[in-house]
């Protein structure tokens, strides 16, 4: 970095042991490891890294809530070096989906405190 202080994150990121399916422009890619998640976006580990700006469809599964969440996201950064991963910003979270995600994140936070 050029010596400037890092900007604080708008939403805290939580590390979890979970998987996500996503659809990119060319194919459906199943069962990719979630590296971390927040109300603003998600980081997933995948060898099929998309280009920045690519819009992807995600299906997040929350077995603890007996719920899944279909959301659209935009790739905001991509790392093609091993272990390859990419950051995806959620772009279409309505109130209902945001509430479901918030419940899941609160559950994760409560478990990490124990």
PDB file of N, CA and C in Angstrom:
ATOM      1  N   UNK A   1       0.824  -1.186   0.000  1.00  0.00           N
ATOM      2  CA  UNK A   1       0.000   0.000   0.000  1.00  0.00           C
ATOM      3  C   UNK A   1       0.861   1.238   0.000  1.00  0.00           C
ATOM      4  N   UNK A   2       0.282   2.352  -0.327  1.00  0.00           N
ATOM      5  CA  UNK A   2       1.037   3.592  -0.463  1.00  0.00           C
ATOM      6  C   UNK A   2       1.090   4.382   0.844  1.00  0.00           C
ATOM      7  N   UNK A   3       1.102   3.700   1.981  1.00  0.00           N
ATOM      8  CA  UNK A   3       1.237   4.372   3.249  1.00  0.00           C
ATOM      9  C   UNK A   3      -0.067   4.929   3.804  1.00  0.00           C
ATOM     10  N   UNK A   4      -1.149   4.875   3.051  1.00  0.00           N
ATOM     11  CA  UNK A   4      -2.416   5.385   3.562  1.00  0.00           C
ATOM     12  C   UNK A   4      -3.068   4.337   4.454  1.00  0.00           C
ATOM     13  N   UNK A   5      -3.827   4.803   5.431  1.00  0.00           N
ATOM     14  CA  UNK A   5      -4.511   3.890   6.353  1.00  0.00           C
ATOM     15  C   UNK A   5      -5.624   3.161   5.613  1.00  0.00           C
ATOM     16  N   UNK A   6      -5.822   1.904   6.006  1.00  0.00           N
ATOM     17  CA  UNK A   6      -6.885   1.112   5.391  1.00  0.00           C
ATOM     18  C   UNK A   6      -8.240   1.629   5.846  1.00  0.00           C
ATOM     19  N   UNK A   7      -9.203   1.646   4.953  1.00  0.00           N
ATOM     20  CA  UNK A   7     -10.545   2.073   5.294  1.00  0.00           C
ATOM     21  C   UNK A   7     -11.203   0.993   6.156  1.00  0.00           C
ATOM     22  N   UNK A   8     -11.937   1.391   7.211  1.00  0.00           N
ATOM     23  CA  UNK A   8     -12.652   0.385   7.995  1.00  0.00           C
ATOM     24  C   UNK A   8     -13.773  -0.226   7.157  1.00  0.00           C
ATOM     25  N   UNK A   9     -14.072  -1.477   7.427  1.00  0.00           N
ATOM     26  CA  UNK A   9     -15.127  -2.173   6.683  1.00  0.00           C
ATOM     27  C   UNK A   9     -16.502  -1.706   7.155  1.00  0.00           C
ATOM     28  N   UNK A  10     -17.439  -1.620   6.223  1.00  0.00           N
ATOM     29  CA  UNK A  10     -18.804  -1.225   6.559  1.00  0.00           C
ATOM     30  C   UNK A  10     -19.496  -2.317   7.369  1.00  0.00           C
ATOM     31  N   UNK A  11     -19.129  -3.582   7.113  1.00  0.00           N
ATOM     32  CA  UNK A  11     -19.747  -4.719   7.794  1.00  0.00           C
ATOM     33  C   UNK A  11     -18.654  -5.672   8.252  1.00  0.00           C
ATOM     34  N   UNK A  12     -18.725  -6.150   9.507  1.00  0.00           N
ATOM     35  CA  UNK A  12     -17.706  -7.102   9.964  1.00  0.00           C
ATOM     36  C   UNK A  12     -17.774  -8.403   9.167  1.00  0.00           C
ATOM     37  N   UNK A  13     -16.612  -8.972   8.899  1.00  0.00           N
ATOM     38  CA  UNK A  13     -16.535 -10.237   8.170  1.00  0.00           C
ATOM     39  C   UNK A  13     -16.439 -11.380   9.155  1.00  0.00           C
ATOM     40  N   UNK A  14     -17.159 -12.455   8.876  1.00  0.00           N
ATOM     41  CA  UNK A  14     -17.128 -13.633   9.724  1.00  0.00           C
ATOM     42  C   UNK A  14     -16.575 -14.806   8.931  1.00  0.00           C
ATOM     43  N   UNK A  15     -15.679 -15.552   9.557  1.00  0.00           N
ATOM     44  CA  UNK A  15     -15.126 -16.760   8.947  1.00  0.00           C
ATOM     45  C   UNK A  15     -16.032 -17.918   9.338  1.00  0.00           C
ATOM     46  N   UNK A  16     -16.321 -18.802   8.393  1.00  0.00           N
ATOM     47  CA  UNK A  16     -17.217 -19.907   8.665  1.00  0.00           C
ATOM     48  C   UNK A  16     -16.830 -21.106   7.825  1.00  0.00           C
ATOM     49  N   UNK A  17     -17.386 -22.239   8.183  1.00  0.00           N
ATOM     50  CA  UNK A  17     -17.163 -23.469   7.436  1.00  0.00           C
ATOM     51  C   UNK A  17     -18.431 -23.748   6.641  1.00  0.00           C
ATOM     52  N   UNK A  18     -18.519 -23.207   5.436  1.00  0.00           N
ATOM     53  CA  UNK A  18     -19.735 -23.339   4.635  1.00  0.00           C
ATOM     54  C   UNK A  18     -19.361 -23.352   3.157  1.00  0.00           C
ATOM     55  N   UNK A  19     -20.348 -23.689   2.351  1.00  0.00           N
ATOM     56  CA  UNK A  19     -20.161 -23.758   0.903  1.00  0.00           C
ATOM     57  C   UNK A  19     -21.279 -23.007   0.212  1.00  0.00           C
ATOM     58  N   UNK A  20     -20.991 -22.568  -1.013  1.00  0.00           N
ATOM     59  CA  UNK A  20     -21.946 -21.790  -1.792  1.00  0.00           C
ATOM     60  C   UNK A  20     -21.910 -22.284  -3.234  1.00  0.00           C
ATOM     61  N   UNK A  21     -23.046 -22.215  -3.904  1.00  0.00           N
ATOM     62  CA  UNK A  21     -23.122 -22.496  -5.336  1.00  0.00           C
ATOM     63  C   UNK A  21     -23.231 -21.149  -6.048  1.00  0.00           C
ATOM     64  N   UNK A  22     -22.625 -21.053  -7.227  1.00  0.00           N
ATOM     65  CA  UNK A  22     -22.814 -19.817  -7.975  1.00  0.00           C
ATOM     66  C   UNK A  22     -22.860 -20.088  -9.469  1.00  0.00           C
ATOM     67  N   UNK A  23     -23.537 -19.180 -10.158  1.00  0.00           N
ATOM     68  CA  UNK A  23     -23.657 -19.240 -11.603  1.00  0.00           C
ATOM     69  C   UNK A  23     -22.962 -18.018 -12.175  1.00  0.00           C
ATOM     70  N   UNK A  24     -21.954 -18.275 -12.998  1.00  0.00           N
ATOM     71  CA  UNK A  24     -21.262 -17.200 -13.697  1.00  0.00           C
ATOM     72  C   UNK A  24     -21.822 -17.087 -15.102  1.00  0.00           C
ATOM     73  N   UNK A  25     -21.189 -16.295 -15.944  1.00  0.00           N
ATOM     74  CA  UNK A  25     -21.682 -16.090 -17.304  1.00  0.00           C
ATOM     75  C   UNK A  25     -21.691 -17.377 -18.143  1.00  0.00           C
ATOM     76  N   UNK A  26     -20.790 -18.304 -17.841  1.00  0.00           N
ATOM     77  CA  UNK A  26     -20.650 -19.467 -18.713  1.00  0.00           C
ATOM     78  C   UNK A  26     -21.160 -20.773 -18.118  1.00  0.00           C
ATOM     79  N   UNK A  27     -21.199 -20.894 -16.788  1.00  0.00           N
ATOM     80  CA  UNK A  27     -21.537 -22.192 -16.224  1.00  0.00           C
ATOM     81  C   UNK A  27     -22.023 -22.079 -14.786  1.00  0.00           C
ATOM     82  N   UNK A  28     -22.613 -23.188 -14.299  1.00  0.00           N
ATOM     83  CA  UNK A  28     -23.018 -23.314 -12.912  1.00  0.00           C
ATOM     84  C   UNK A  28     -21.882 -24.008 -12.168  1.00  0.00           C
ATOM     85  N   UNK A  29     -21.462 -23.420 -11.057  1.00  0.00           N
ATOM     86  CA  UNK A  29     -20.343 -23.955 -10.284  1.00  0.00           C
ATOM     87  C   UNK A  29     -20.839 -24.260  -8.877  1.00  0.00           C
ATOM     88  N   UNK A  30     -20.734 -25.518  -8.492  1.00  0.00           N
ATOM     89  CA  UNK A  30     -21.320 -25.960  -7.248  1.00  0.00           C
ATOM     90  C   UNK A  30     -20.279 -26.160  -6.158  1.00  0.00           C
ATOM     91  N   UNK A  31     -20.696 -25.963  -4.926  1.00  0.00           N
ATOM     92  CA  UNK A  31     -19.970 -26.390  -3.740  1.00  0.00           C
ATOM     93  C   UNK A  31     -18.600 -25.737  -3.604  1.00  0.00           C
ATOM     94  N   UNK A  32     -18.578 -24.411  -3.517  1.00  0.00           N
ATOM     95  CA  UNK A  32     -17.331 -23.677  -3.325  1.00  0.00           C
ATOM     96  C   UNK A  32     -17.246 -23.179  -1.886  1.00  0.00           C
ATOM     97  N   UNK A  33     -16.053 -23.242  -1.321  1.00  0.00           N
ATOM     98  CA  UNK A  33     -15.856 -22.884   0.083  1.00  0.00           C
ATOM     99  C   UNK A  33     -16.006 -21.385   0.297  1.00  0.00           C
ATOM    100  N   UNK A  34     -16.786 -21.036   1.313  1.00  0.00           N
ATOM    101  CA  UNK A  34     -16.915 -19.648   1.743  1.00  0.00           C
ATOM    102  C   UNK A  34     -15.746 -19.357   2.677  1.00  0.00           C
ATOM    103  N   UNK A  35     -14.968 -18.346   2.355  1.00  0.00           N
ATOM    104  CA  UNK A  35     -13.847 -17.972   3.230  1.00  0.00           C
ATOM    105  C   UNK A  35     -14.318 -17.022   4.319  1.00  0.00           C
ATOM    106  N   UNK A  36     -15.168 -16.064   3.955  1.00  0.00           N
ATOM    107  CA  UNK A  36     -15.789 -15.195   4.952  1.00  0.00           C
ATOM    108  C   UNK A  36     -17.019 -14.545   4.333  1.00  0.00           C
ATOM    109  N   UNK A  37     -17.859 -13.984   5.204  1.00  0.00           N
ATOM    110  CA  UNK A  37     -19.128 -13.407   4.757  1.00  0.00           C
ATOM    111  C   UNK A  37     -19.481 -12.226   5.657  1.00  0.00           C
ATOM    112  N   UNK A  38     -20.214 -11.282   5.098  1.00  0.00           N
ATOM    113  CA  UNK A  38     -20.724 -10.139   5.856  1.00  0.00           C
ATOM    114  C   UNK A  38     -22.053  -9.720   5.227  1.00  0.00           C
ATOM    115  N   UNK A  39     -22.682  -8.719   5.798  1.00  0.00           N
ATOM    116  CA  UNK A  39     -23.918  -8.199   5.196  1.00  0.00           C
ATOM    117  C   UNK A  39     -23.659  -7.571   3.841  1.00  0.00           C
ATOM    118  N   UNK A  40     -22.424  -7.180   3.586  1.00  0.00           N
ATOM    119  CA  UNK A  40     -22.103  -6.518   2.324  1.00  0.00           C
ATOM    120  C   UNK A  40     -21.648  -7.435   1.213  1.00  0.00           C
ATOM    121  N   UNK A  41     -21.131  -8.623   1.569  1.00  0.00           N
ATOM    122  CA  UNK A  41     -20.617  -9.492   0.524  1.00  0.00           C
ATOM    123  C   UNK A  41     -20.013 -10.767   1.069  1.00  0.00           C
ATOM    124  N   UNK A  42     -19.306 -11.462   0.188  1.00  0.00           N
ATOM    125  CA  UNK A  42     -18.786 -12.782   0.503  1.00  0.00           C
ATOM    126  C   UNK A  42     -17.462 -12.996  -0.219  1.00  0.00           C
ATOM    127  N   UNK A  43     -16.594 -13.773   0.367  1.00  0.00           N
ATOM    128  CA  UNK A  43     -15.359 -14.197  -0.284  1.00  0.00           C
ATOM    129  C   UNK A  43     -15.440 -15.703  -0.447  1.00  0.00           C
ATOM    130  N   UNK A  44     -15.289 -16.186  -1.677  1.00  0.00           N
ATOM    131  CA  UNK A  44     -15.344 -17.629  -1.905  1.00  0.00           C
ATOM    132  C   UNK A  44     -14.051 -18.109  -2.540  1.00  0.00           C
ATOM    133  N   UNK A  45     -13.667 -19.311  -2.151  1.00  0.00           N
ATOM    134  CA  UNK A  45     -12.484 -19.958  -2.709  1.00  0.00           C
ATOM    135  C   UNK A  45     -12.928 -20.806  -3.893  1.00  0.00           C
ATOM    136  N   UNK A  46     -12.335 -20.549  -5.048  1.00  0.00           N
ATOM    137  CA  UNK A  46     -12.702 -21.272  -6.262  1.00  0.00           C
ATOM    138  C   UNK A  46     -11.579 -21.160  -7.283  1.00  0.00           C
ATOM    139  N   UNK A  47     -11.376 -22.211  -8.034  1.00  0.00           N
ATOM    140  CA  UNK A  47     -10.411 -22.154  -9.135  1.00  0.00           C
ATOM    141  C   UNK A  47     -11.023 -21.463 -10.353  1.00  0.00           C
ATOM    142  N   UNK A  48     -12.352 -21.333 -10.375  1.00  0.00           N
ATOM    143  CA  UNK A  48     -13.055 -20.703 -11.499  1.00  0.00           C
ATOM    144  C   UNK A  48     -13.300 -19.230 -11.182  1.00  0.00           C
ATOM    145  N   UNK A  49     -12.235 -18.471 -11.004  1.00  0.00           N
ATOM    146  CA  UNK A  49     -12.328 -17.055 -10.646  1.00  0.00           C
ATOM    147  C   UNK A  49     -12.855 -16.262 -11.842  1.00  0.00           C
ATOM    148  N   UNK A  50     -13.828 -15.412 -11.565  1.00  0.00           N
ATOM    149  CA  UNK A  50     -14.409 -14.553 -12.598  1.00  0.00           C
ATOM    150  C   UNK A  50     -13.642 -13.222 -12.641  1.00  0.00           C
ATOM    151  N   UNK A  51     -13.812 -12.484 -13.726  1.00  0.00           N
ATOM    152  CA  UNK A  51     -13.194 -11.170 -13.859  1.00  0.00           C
ATOM    153  C   UNK A  51     -13.915 -10.152 -12.984  1.00  0.00           C
ATOM    154  N   UNK A  52     -13.194  -9.116 -12.562  1.00  0.00           N
ATOM    155  CA  UNK A  52     -13.820  -8.040 -11.802  1.00  0.00           C
ATOM    156  C   UNK A  52     -14.948  -7.431 -12.635  1.00  0.00           C
ATOM    157  N   UNK A  53     -16.051  -7.113 -11.957  1.00  0.00           N
ATOM    158  CA  UNK A  53     -17.199  -6.538 -12.627  1.00  0.00           C
ATOM    159  C   UNK A  53     -18.209  -7.562 -13.099  1.00  0.00           C
ATOM    160  N   UNK A  54     -17.839  -8.850 -13.089  1.00  0.00           N
ATOM    161  CA  UNK A  54     -18.761  -9.907 -13.518  1.00  0.00           C
ATOM    162  C   UNK A  54     -19.891 -10.045 -12.503  1.00  0.00           C
ATOM    163  N   UNK A  55     -21.116 -10.151 -12.992  1.00  0.00           N
ATOM    164  CA  UNK A  55     -22.274 -10.371 -12.132  1.00  0.00           C
ATOM    165  C   UNK A  55     -22.504 -11.874 -12.039  1.00  0.00           C
ATOM    166  N   UNK A  56     -22.650 -12.370 -10.808  1.00  0.00           N
ATOM    167  CA  UNK A  56     -22.869 -13.792 -10.566  1.00  0.00           C
ATOM    168  C   UNK A  56     -24.128 -13.976  -9.722  1.00  0.00           C
ATOM    169  N   UNK A  57     -24.740 -15.129  -9.868  1.00  0.00           N
ATOM    170  CA  UNK A  57     -25.893 -15.523  -9.058  1.00  0.00           C
ATOM    171  C   UNK A  57     -25.394 -16.503  -8.005  1.00  0.00           C
ATOM    172  N   UNK A  58     -25.701 -16.243  -6.742  1.00  0.00           N
ATOM    173  CA  UNK A  58     -25.246 -17.085  -5.646  1.00  0.00           C
ATOM    174  C   UNK A  58     -26.425 -17.743  -4.955  1.00  0.00           C
ATOM    175  N   UNK A  59     -26.214 -18.959  -4.472  1.00  0.00           N
ATOM    176  CA  UNK A  59     -27.176 -19.606  -3.585  1.00  0.00           C
ATOM    177  C   UNK A  59     -26.430 -19.954  -2.311  1.00  0.00           C
ATOM    178  N   UNK A  60     -26.775 -19.247  -1.233  1.00  0.00           N
ATOM    179  CA  UNK A  60     -26.191 -19.485   0.079  1.00  0.00           C
ATOM    180  C   UNK A  60     -27.124 -20.402   0.853  1.00  0.00           C
ATOM    181  N   UNK A  61     -26.587 -21.456   1.419  1.00  0.00           N
ATOM    182  CA  UNK A  61     -27.402 -22.398   2.183  1.00  0.00           C
ATOM    183  C   UNK A  61     -27.119 -22.236   3.664  1.00  0.00           C
ATOM    184  N   UNK A  62     -28.184 -22.068   4.440  1.00  0.00           N
ATOM    185  CA  UNK A  62     -28.089 -21.902   5.881  1.00  0.00           C
ATOM    186  C   UNK A  62     -28.813 -23.051   6.568  1.00  0.00           C
ATOM    187  N   UNK A  63     -28.168 -24.211   6.707  1.00  0.00           N
ATOM    188  CA  UNK A  63     -28.860 -25.369   7.288  1.00  0.00           C
ATOM    189  C   UNK A  63     -29.360 -25.112   8.704  1.00  0.00           C
ATOM    190  N   UNK A  64     -28.649 -24.298   9.478  1.00  0.00           N
ATOM    191  CA  UNK A  64     -29.063 -24.022  10.847  1.00  0.00           C
ATOM    192  C   UNK A  64     -30.396 -23.274  10.901  1.00  0.00           C
ATOM    193  N   UNK A  65     -30.710 -22.512   9.857  1.00  0.00           N
ATOM    194  CA  UNK A  65     -31.966 -21.767   9.792  1.00  0.00           C
ATOM    195  C   UNK A  65     -32.993 -22.466   8.915  1.00  0.00           C
ATOM    196  N   UNK A  66     -32.608 -23.598   8.340  1.00  0.00           N
ATOM    197  CA  UNK A  66     -33.446 -24.304   7.370  1.00  0.00           C
ATOM    198  C   UNK A  66     -33.868 -23.334   6.264  1.00  0.00           C
ATOM    199  N   UNK A  67     -32.874 -22.606   5.731  1.00  0.00           N
ATOM    200  CA  UNK A  67     -33.158 -21.589   4.716  1.00  0.00           C
ATOM    201  C   UNK A  67     -32.020 -21.537   3.713  1.00  0.00           C
ATOM    202  N   UNK A  68     -32.342 -21.065   2.537  1.00  0.00           N
ATOM    203  CA  UNK A  68     -31.312 -20.750   1.548  1.00  0.00           C
ATOM    204  C   UNK A  68     -31.637 -19.370   1.000  1.00  0.00           C
ATOM    205  N   UNK A  69     -30.629 -18.763   0.425  1.00  0.00           N
ATOM    206  CA  UNK A  69     -30.770 -17.385  -0.013  1.00  0.00           C
ATOM    207  C   UNK A  69     -30.177 -17.258  -1.404  1.00  0.00           C
ATOM    208  N   UNK A  70     -30.996 -16.872  -2.371  1.00  0.00           N
ATOM    209  CA  UNK A  70     -30.510 -16.612  -3.727  1.00  0.00           C
ATOM    210  C   UNK A  70     -30.261 -15.114  -3.847  1.00  0.00           C
ATOM    211  N   UNK A  71     -29.020 -14.757  -4.155  1.00  0.00           N
ATOM    212  CA  UNK A  71     -28.665 -13.344  -4.266  1.00  0.00           C
ATOM    213  C   UNK A  71     -27.799 -13.116  -5.497  1.00  0.00           C
ATOM    214  N   UNK A  72     -27.816 -11.904  -5.948  1.00  0.00           N
ATOM    215  CA  UNK A  72     -26.957 -11.516  -7.059  1.00  0.00           C
ATOM    216  C   UNK A  72     -25.786 -10.732  -6.477  1.00  0.00           C
ATOM    217  N   UNK A  73     -24.619 -10.937  -7.078  1.00  0.00           N
ATOM    218  CA  UNK A  73     -23.444 -10.228  -6.606  1.00  0.00           C
ATOM    219  C   UNK A  73     -22.561  -9.803  -7.763  1.00  0.00           C
ATOM    220  N   UNK A  74     -21.666  -8.881  -7.467  1.00  0.00           N
ATOM    221  CA  UNK A  74     -20.700  -8.410  -8.448  1.00  0.00           C
ATOM    222  C   UNK A  74     -19.297  -8.686  -7.923  1.00  0.00           C
ATOM    223  N   UNK A  75     -18.455  -9.280  -8.762  1.00  0.00           N
ATOM    224  CA  UNK A  75     -17.081  -9.557  -8.378  1.00  0.00           C
ATOM    225  C   UNK A  75     -16.341  -8.222  -8.256  1.00  0.00           C
ATOM    226  N   UNK A  76     -15.806  -7.946  -7.051  1.00  0.00           N
ATOM    227  CA  UNK A  76     -15.124  -6.679  -6.818  1.00  0.00           C
ATOM    228  C   UNK A  76     -13.607  -6.849  -6.735  1.00  0.00           C
ATOM    229  N   UNK A  77     -13.144  -8.049  -6.509  1.00  0.00           N
ATOM    230  CA  UNK A  77     -11.714  -8.346  -6.598  1.00  0.00           C
ATOM    231  C   UNK A  77     -11.547  -9.831  -6.881  1.00  0.00           C
ATOM    232  N   UNK A  78     -10.430 -10.179  -7.476  1.00  0.00           N
ATOM    233  CA  UNK A  78     -10.166 -11.571  -7.850  1.00  0.00           C
ATOM    234  C   UNK A  78      -8.695 -11.886  -7.631  1.00  0.00           C
ATOM    235  N   UNK A  79      -8.432 -13.041  -7.063  1.00  0.00           N
ATOM    236  CA  UNK A  79      -7.080 -13.527  -6.829  1.00  0.00           C
ATOM    237  C   UNK A  79      -6.938 -14.862  -7.554  1.00  0.00           C
ATOM    238  N   UNK A  80      -6.133 -14.899  -8.579  1.00  0.00           N
ATOM    239  CA  UNK A  80      -5.959 -16.121  -9.362  1.00  0.00           C
ATOM    240  C   UNK A  80      -4.799 -16.982  -8.861  1.00  0.00           C
ATOM    241  N   UNK A  81      -4.058 -16.495  -7.854  1.00  0.00           N
ATOM    242  CA  UNK A  81      -2.969 -17.277  -7.265  1.00  0.00           C
ATOM    243  C   UNK A  81      -3.554 -18.270  -6.264  1.00  0.00           C
ATOM    244  N   UNK A  82      -2.909 -19.415  -6.115  1.00  0.00           N
ATOM    245  CA  UNK A  82      -3.399 -20.447  -5.208  1.00  0.00           C
ATOM    246  C   UNK A  82      -3.234 -20.011  -3.750  1.00  0.00           C
ATOM    247  N   UNK A  83      -4.239 -20.175  -2.905  1.00  0.00           N
ATOM    248  CA  UNK A  83      -5.577 -20.665  -3.220  1.00  0.00           C
ATOM    249  C   UNK A  83      -6.431 -19.551  -3.826  1.00  0.00           C
ATOM    250  N   UNK A  84      -6.890 -19.762  -5.037  1.00  0.00           N
ATOM    251  CA  UNK A  84      -7.650 -18.750  -5.770  1.00  0.00           C
ATOM    252  C   UNK A  84      -8.963 -18.438  -5.054  1.00  0.00           C
ATOM    253  N   UNK A  85      -9.302 -17.151  -5.026  1.00  0.00           N
ATOM    254  CA  UNK A  85     -10.561 -16.739  -4.425  1.00  0.00           C
ATOM    255  C   UNK A  85     -11.008 -15.417  -5.026  1.00  0.00           C
ATOM    256  N   UNK A  86     -12.230 -15.017  -4.683  1.00  0.00           N
ATOM    257  CA  UNK A  86     -12.740 -13.747  -5.182  1.00  0.00           C
ATOM    258  C   UNK A  86     -13.723 -13.160  -4.189  1.00  0.00           C
ATOM    259  N   UNK A  87     -13.756 -11.830  -4.169  1.00  0.00           N
ATOM    260  CA  UNK A  87     -14.680 -11.096  -3.325  1.00  0.00           C
ATOM    261  C   UNK A  87     -15.875 -10.659  -4.142  1.00  0.00           C
ATOM    262  N   UNK A  88     -17.051 -10.885  -3.588  1.00  0.00           N
ATOM    263  CA  UNK A  88     -18.298 -10.578  -4.296  1.00  0.00           C
ATOM    264  C   UNK A  88     -19.151  -9.677  -3.411  1.00  0.00           C
ATOM    265  N   UNK A  89     -19.547  -8.540  -3.953  1.00  0.00           N
ATOM    266  CA  UNK A  89     -20.418  -7.600  -3.243  1.00  0.00           C
ATOM    267  C   UNK A  89     -21.869  -7.925  -3.597  1.00  0.00           C
ATOM    268  N   UNK A  90     -22.716  -8.075  -2.585  1.00  0.00           N
ATOM    269  CA  UNK A  90     -24.136  -8.318  -2.834  1.00  0.00           C
ATOM    270  C   UNK A  90     -24.749  -7.072  -3.458  1.00  0.00           C
ATOM    271  N   UNK A  91     -25.569  -7.246  -4.511  1.00  0.00           N
ATOM    272  CA  UNK A  91     -26.137  -6.078  -5.191  1.00  0.00           C
ATOM    273  C   UNK A  91     -27.655  -6.027  -5.167  1.00  0.00           C
ATOM    274  N   UNK A  92     -28.323  -7.051  -4.674  1.00  0.00           N
ATOM    275  CA  UNK A  92     -29.785  -7.027  -4.756  1.00  0.00           C
ATOM    276  C   UNK A  92     -30.470  -7.521  -3.490  1.00  0.00           C
ATOM    277  N   UNK A  93     -29.893  -7.238  -2.339  1.00  0.00           N
ATOM    278  CA  UNK A  93     -30.498  -7.713  -1.092  1.00  0.00           C
ATOM    279  C   UNK A  93     -31.701  -6.857  -0.726  1.00  0.00           C
ATOM    280  N   UNK A  94     -32.893  -7.442  -0.836  1.00  0.00           N
ATOM    281  CA  UNK A  94     -34.078  -6.742  -0.347  1.00  0.00           C
ATOM    282  C   UNK A  94     -34.150  -6.950   1.169  1.00  0.00           C
ATOM    283  N   UNK A  95     -35.125  -6.339   1.820  1.00  0.00           N
ATOM    284  CA  UNK A  95     -35.215  -6.398   3.282  1.00  0.00           C
ATOM    285  C   UNK A  95     -35.358  -7.824   3.802  1.00  0.00           C
ATOM    286  N   UNK A  96     -36.161  -8.642   3.140  1.00  0.00           N
ATOM    287  CA  UNK A  96     -36.377 -10.014   3.597  1.00  0.00           C
ATOM    288  C   UNK A  96     -35.079 -10.829   3.544  1.00  0.00           C
ATOM    289  N   UNK A  97     -34.358 -10.738   2.434  1.00  0.00           N
ATOM    290  CA  UNK A  97     -33.103 -11.483   2.313  1.00  0.00           C
ATOM    291  C   UNK A  97     -32.029 -10.916   3.243  1.00  0.00           C
ATOM    292  N   UNK A  98     -31.999  -9.606   3.399  1.00  0.00           N
ATOM    293  CA  UNK A  98     -31.041  -8.998   4.328  1.00  0.00           C
ATOM    294  C   UNK A  98     -31.320  -9.486   5.754  1.00  0.00           C
ATOM    295  N   UNK A  99     -32.606  -9.580   6.135  1.00  0.00           N
ATOM    296  CA  UNK A  99     -32.961 -10.066   7.473  1.00  0.00           C
ATOM    297  C   UNK A  99     -32.538 -11.518   7.665  1.00  0.00           C
ATOM    298  N   UNK A 100     -32.726 -12.363   6.643  1.00  0.00           N
ATOM    299  CA  UNK A 100     -32.291 -13.760   6.734  1.00  0.00           C
ATOM    300  C   UNK A 100     -30.781 -13.838   6.906  1.00  0.00           C
ATOM    301  N   UNK A 101     -30.050 -13.068   6.127  1.00  0.00           N
ATOM    302  CA  UNK A 101     -28.600 -13.045   6.236  1.00  0.00           C
ATOM    303  C   UNK A 101     -28.175 -12.517   7.605  1.00  0.00           C
ATOM    304  N   UNK A 102     -28.824 -11.479   8.077  1.00  0.00           N
ATOM    305  CA  UNK A 102     -28.499 -10.915   9.397  1.00  0.00           C
ATOM    306  C   UNK A 102     -28.717 -11.959  10.499  1.00  0.00           C
ATOM    307  N   UNK A 103     -29.819 -12.724  10.420  1.00  0.00           N
ATOM    308  CA  UNK A 103     -30.078 -13.779  11.415  1.00  0.00           C
ATOM    309  C   UNK A 103     -28.956 -14.808  11.411  1.00  0.00           C
ATOM    310  N   UNK A 104     -28.529 -15.191  10.223  1.00  0.00           N
ATOM    311  CA  UNK A 104     -27.457 -16.179  10.120  1.00  0.00           C
ATOM    312  C   UNK A 104     -26.149 -15.627  10.685  1.00  0.00           C
ATOM    313  N   UNK A 105     -25.815 -14.396  10.348  1.00  0.00           N
ATOM    314  CA  UNK A 105     -24.586 -13.786  10.856  1.00  0.00           C
ATOM    315  C   UNK A 105     -24.631 -13.638  12.371  1.00  0.00           C
ATOM    316  N   UNK A 106     -25.790 -13.286  12.915  1.00  0.00           N
ATOM    317  CA  UNK A 106     -25.933 -13.190  14.369  1.00  0.00           C
ATOM    318  C   UNK A 106     -25.728 -14.554  15.022  1.00  0.00           C
ATOM    319  N   UNK A 107     -26.246 -15.602  14.391  1.00  0.00           N
ATOM    320  CA  UNK A 107     -26.048 -16.968  14.894  1.00  0.00           C
ATOM    321  C   UNK A 107     -24.560 -17.322  14.878  1.00  0.00           C
ATOM    322  N   UNK A 108     -23.859 -16.990  13.806  1.00  0.00           N
ATOM    323  CA  UNK A 108     -22.419 -17.247  13.729  1.00  0.00           C
ATOM    324  C   UNK A 108     -21.664 -16.499  14.814  1.00  0.00           C
ATOM    325  N   UNK A 109     -22.003 -15.237  15.012  1.00  0.00           N
ATOM    326  CA  UNK A 109     -21.321 -14.441  16.032  1.00  0.00           C
ATOM    327  C   UNK A 109     -21.556 -15.009  17.426  1.00  0.00           C
ATOM    328  N   UNK A 110     -22.780 -15.423  17.693  1.00  0.00           N
ATOM    329  CA  UNK A 110     -23.097 -15.985  19.009  1.00  0.00           C
ATOM    330  C   UNK A 110     -22.294 -17.268  19.251  1.00  0.00           C
ATOM    331  N   UNK A 111     -22.136 -18.080  18.223  1.00  0.00           N
ATOM    332  CA  UNK A 111     -21.367 -19.330  18.364  1.00  0.00           C
ATOM    333  C   UNK A 111     -19.881 -19.059  18.562  1.00  0.00           C
ATOM    334  N   UNK A 112     -19.359 -18.018  17.926  1.00  0.00           N
ATOM    335  CA  UNK A 112     -17.921 -17.741  18.032  1.00  0.00           C
ATOM    336  C   UNK A 112     -17.561 -17.172  19.403  1.00  0.00           C
ATOM    337  N   UNK A 113     -18.533 -16.614  20.116  1.00  0.00           N
ATOM    338  CA  UNK A 113     -18.289 -16.060  21.438  1.00  0.00           C
ATOM    339  C   UNK A 113     -18.168 -17.163  22.476  1.00  0.00           C
ATOM    340  N   UNK A 114     -18.862 -18.278  22.252  1.00  0.00           N
ATOM    341  CA  UNK A 114     -18.883 -19.380  23.228  1.00  0.00           C
ATOM    342  C   UNK A 114     -17.543 -20.063  23.336  1.00  0.00           C
TER     343      UNK A 114
END
